[in-house]
Amino acid sequence: MRILTCFLLALAAPAFAAERRAKNVILFLGDGTGPSTVNAASIHGYGQPRKLFLQNMPHIGLSETSSASSWVCDSAAGMTAVVTGQKTHNGVISQSATAVRGVKDGEPLKTILEYAEERGLASGVVSNSPMADATPAACYAHSNERRKTGEIFAQVLKPRFGDGVDVIIGPGRAAILEATSKLGVSLETALPEKNYLWLDSLEAIPAEARRAVILFPDARFSLEAATDRAIDLLSKNPKGFFLMVESNNHSRNVLETLERTVVFDRIIRKTAQRLKSVDTLILFTADHSYDLRLPRGMKGENIVEKVKVDGSHSAEEVLAAAQGPGAERVRGIFPNTALFHIMMAAYGWDEKPPVRRKSKAAGGGLPTTGRGK
């Protein structure tokens, strides 16, 4: 038996040794981009289903999107699950389910971006949603209330791990300035003190830059150009990087929703092509689904007028698609929390095992997940 065991281990060793590790991970997050939106975007953009790049990525699965207490989640709970591996309540950002929204903090949950910072990698967040909004905020901040704009963005200046997120590109300039000012924080002076370039345009980024905060007044900028520039900056770190790119693809404006989804898909395609020779995990998913439906319509017709939007989040599983090192783990139907573990495994990083403590109510040993290394 011992000889057989050694033989089997010898056979398995080359497979483990040959497994590629990701130098970089790019998480593309389609906010509210449920399966019906993906299908409608393909038809809108190309006149046929299954024509989006993300629909043809080599590894595909479905992510279940409930929060800790609701079948239908918001962006705060949804993104927290994706970037920390734990479910929390709607409205809570990267804190445990012991949080009471707007009332009591839960334990801070270490995010994949913070793991990257802890290990000396570069990190960035890019979005066409305000940069203190739930999805980007869940990567770098911890709060019991997603509406605490000033408190959230001020955490850029006080990172828990490493020297903090390196690149921030997106809208929300006026609201963020106002909210942080009320807390006595002057971003104009505080950001340069932390070695950030404080800018208002992509064109202003110098070639030698490594750390920059670019806040726009609104979403009328090129998400594609922002993604390209973020990769330019982050790629200067020889250890690699983590980047989250979000596109807000859900609203009552059907044309805008479908156009944004098609554009986002093209950005994913372009990025995958750019980094095909680099060990980069490209991962697409959504934080939650959205009640956009195509209930009727003939082939060849403009579907924009046929689409119905209820205007609310919904509970369907969402698409997860991937390519690159570690992408083979994206398969089947899994909880949204699994995506965090997929990214961690792609890097080859270990997590701290769960801490066990006694339940006051039952006196038993119930597992509670630790915050990691």
Foldseek 3Di string as FASTA:
>chain_A
DVVVVVVVVVVCVVVVVPFAFFLEEEEEAEAQCFPQLQQLLCCQVPLHGQPFPQSVFPFKEWAFFAAPPGLFEHLQQLLLLQFQLAGAHHFWAQFHNVFDAPPGTHHHFQGNQQVCQQVPAAEEEAEQDACLARNNLSRFAGDSGSPLLQNSVCSQLVGPHHLHHFEYYYEDVVVNCVNVVVVVDHCVPSVVVSVEAEEADPVPDDQPDQGYHHYYHHSPDDLLSVVVSNCSNRVVRPSHYYYYYYYHQDDQQLVSNSVSVRSSSVSLVVVCVVCVVHQYKYKYKYSFHAPKHQPDDDRPDNSSVRIDHPGDTDGGIHMMGIDGRLRNVRYYYYHSSVNNVSNCVSNPHDWDAWDWDADPVPRDTDTDRDNTD
